[in-house]
Amino acid sequence: MKPRISIITIGVDDLERAFGFYRSLFDVPDEQIGAGEDHVAFFLDGDFSFVLFPRAQIAETAGREEVVAGTPGFVLSHRAENAEEVDEILERVLISGGSIITPGTQSEWGYSAYFEDSEGNVWELMATPVAN
């Protein structure tokens, strides 16, 4: 098997609110969005899809009785072209209804920031240094 992630599904407590947040953040045309009674899918570049699904249903599917917001056990990461793009995305996060956990910070590993979406899911933004 050649590992490849083609779909990321995250749990949300309020599907409508999460849809509004990601629709604003991703800024994709309506043709790239599919919705059902219990989910919303964003069909992004290539074969990649990002899906919103009720957190309680994900917990049930995973055999869990307790639903805990914002603790999915992973962080979604997005690689930006540069520090300016990281900051631009953070501005869009705030406009879209999310919150910044850690503002853009320079380190030996590059420029990075963390934010929460409207449902408490954690994202990392990073711009790695250009190799010489």
Protein backbone atom coordinates (compact mmCIF):
# COMPACT_ATOMS: atom_id res chain seq x y z
CA MET A 1 0.00 0.00 0.00
CA LYS A 2 1.22 3.45 -0.87
CA PRO A 3 -0.17 5.70 1.93
CA ARG A 4 -2.14 8.69 0.73
CA ILE A 5 -4.72 10.72 2.53
CA SER A 6 -7.64 11.47 0.26
CA ILE A 7 -10.32 12.41 2.80
CA ILE A 8 -10.16 14.06 6.19
CA THR A 9 -13.35 13.92 8.20
CA ILE A 10 -13.64 16.01 11.32
CA GLY A 11 -16.34 15.94 13.96
CA VAL A 12 -18.42 19.04 14.60
CA ASP A 13 -21.08 19.93 17.14
CA ASP A 14 -22.93 22.42 14.93
CA LEU A 15 -22.84 21.38 11.27
CA GLU A 16 -24.35 24.64 10.00
CA ARG A 17 -21.90 26.80 11.96
CA ALA A 18 -18.92 24.67 10.87
CA PHE A 19 -20.11 24.79 7.25
CA GLY A 20 -20.26 28.60 7.40
CA PHE A 21 -16.77 28.78 8.89
CA TYR A 22 -15.11 26.48 6.34
CA ARG A 23 -17.03 27.88 3.39
CA SER A 24 -15.71 31.33 4.29
CA LEU A 25 -12.19 30.11 5.08
CA PHE A 26 -11.74 27.87 2.03
CA ASP A 27 -13.50 30.25 -0.40
CA VAL A 28 -14.41 27.46 -2.85
CA PRO A 29 -17.15 27.64 -5.50
CA ASP A 30 -20.49 25.96 -4.84
CA GLU A 31 -19.65 23.27 -7.42
CA GLN A 32 -16.93 22.01 -5.07
CA ILE A 33 -19.30 21.55 -2.11
CA GLY A 34 -21.57 18.58 -1.49
CA ALA A 35 -23.98 18.32 1.41
CA GLY A 36 -26.27 15.70 2.84
CA GLU A 37 -28.52 15.67 5.86
CA ASP A 38 -25.64 14.65 8.13
CA HIS A 39 -22.50 15.98 6.43
CA VAL A 40 -20.84 18.60 4.24
CA ALA A 41 -17.98 17.74 1.87
CA PHE A 42 -15.55 20.17 0.29
CA PHE A 43 -13.97 18.69 -2.85
CA LEU A 44 -10.59 20.36 -2.99
CA ASP A 45 -7.50 19.93 -5.18
CA GLY A 46 -7.03 16.60 -6.92
CA ASP A 47 -8.57 13.67 -5.10
CA PHE A 48 -8.66 15.39 -1.70
CA SER A 49 -11.90 15.99 0.21
CA PHE A 50 -12.51 17.63 3.56
CA VAL A 51 -15.69 16.44 5.29
CA LEU A 52 -17.64 17.78 8.26
CA PHE A 53 -19.64 15.16 10.17
CA PRO A 54 -21.49 15.36 13.51
CA ARG A 55 -19.06 14.64 16.34
CA ALA A 56 -21.57 12.38 18.12
CA GLN A 57 -21.92 10.20 15.03
CA ILE A 58 -18.15 9.94 14.64
CA ALA A 59 -17.85 8.94 18.31
CA GLU A 60 -20.58 6.33 17.82
CA THR A 61 -18.89 4.99 14.69
CA ALA A 62 -15.61 4.74 16.63
CA GLY A 63 -17.35 2.91 19.47
CA ARG A 64 -16.95 5.76 21.95
CA GLU A 65 -19.65 6.79 24.39
CA GLU A 66 -18.20 10.18 25.32
CA VAL A 67 -17.86 13.10 22.93
CA VAL A 68 -15.20 15.66 23.84
CA ALA A 69 -15.01 18.84 21.73
CA GLY A 70 -11.69 19.92 20.31
CA THR A 71 -9.72 16.78 21.21
CA PRO A 72 -9.63 14.74 18.01
CA GLY A 73 -6.24 13.20 18.80
CA PHE A 74 -4.52 14.93 15.88
CA VAL A 75 -3.69 18.35 14.50
CA LEU A 76 -4.46 19.26 10.92
CA SER A 77 -1.47 21.03 9.35
CA HIS A 78 -1.31 23.36 6.39
CA ARG A 79 1.99 24.28 4.75
CA ALA A 80 1.98 27.91 3.63
CA GLU A 81 4.33 29.40 1.05
CA ASN A 82 5.71 32.01 3.46
CA ALA A 83 5.15 33.89 6.72
CA GLU A 84 2.95 36.47 5.00
CA GLU A 85 0.57 33.73 3.87
CA VAL A 86 0.42 32.35 7.43
CA ASP A 87 -0.62 35.79 8.68
CA GLU A 88 -3.17 36.23 5.87
CA ILE A 89 -4.77 32.90 6.76
CA LEU A 90 -4.93 33.89 10.44
CA GLU A 91 -6.80 37.07 9.45
CA ARG A 92 -9.26 34.96 7.48
CA VAL A 93 -9.68 32.59 10.45
CA LEU A 94 -10.81 35.49 12.62
CA ILE A 95 -13.16 36.85 9.95
CA SER A 96 -14.62 33.36 9.49
CA GLY A 97 -15.38 32.88 13.20
CA GLY A 98 -12.37 30.91 14.42
CA SER A 99 -9.82 31.89 17.06
CA ILE A 100 -6.05 32.11 17.19
CA ILE A 101 -4.33 29.87 19.73
CA THR A 102 -0.77 30.96 18.94
CA PRO A 103 0.00 33.88 16.61
CA GLY A 104 2.64 33.57 13.92
CA THR A 105 6.00 32.93 15.56
CA GLN A 106 9.46 32.52 14.05
CA SER A 107 11.60 29.62 15.25
CA GLU A 108 14.50 27.58 13.93
CA TRP A 109 11.91 25.35 12.19
CA GLY A 110 10.19 28.19 10.34
CA TYR A 111 7.21 30.44 10.90
CA SER A 112 4.14 28.83 12.43
CA ALA A 113 0.84 29.51 14.16
CA TYR A 114 -2.06 27.54 15.61
CA PHE A 115 -5.78 28.25 15.40
CA GLU A 116 -9.10 26.67 16.30
CA ASP A 117 -11.98 26.41 13.87
CA SER A 118 -15.52 27.27 14.92
CA GLU A 119 -15.85 23.79 16.50
CA GLY A 120 -12.62 23.71 18.52
CA ASN A 121 -10.59 21.60 16.06
CA VAL A 122 -6.92 22.59 16.09
CA TRP A 123 -4.96 23.53 12.97
CA GLU A 124 -1.29 24.35 12.53
CA LEU A 125 -0.09 26.76 9.86
CA MET A 126 3.57 26.56 8.94
CA ALA A 127 6.00 28.09 6.50
CA THR A 128 9.31 26.27 6.55
CA PRO A 129 12.53 28.13 5.82
CA VAL A 130 13.78 28.15 2.26
CA ALA A 131 16.71 25.71 1.83
CA ASN A 132 19.96 27.30 0.59
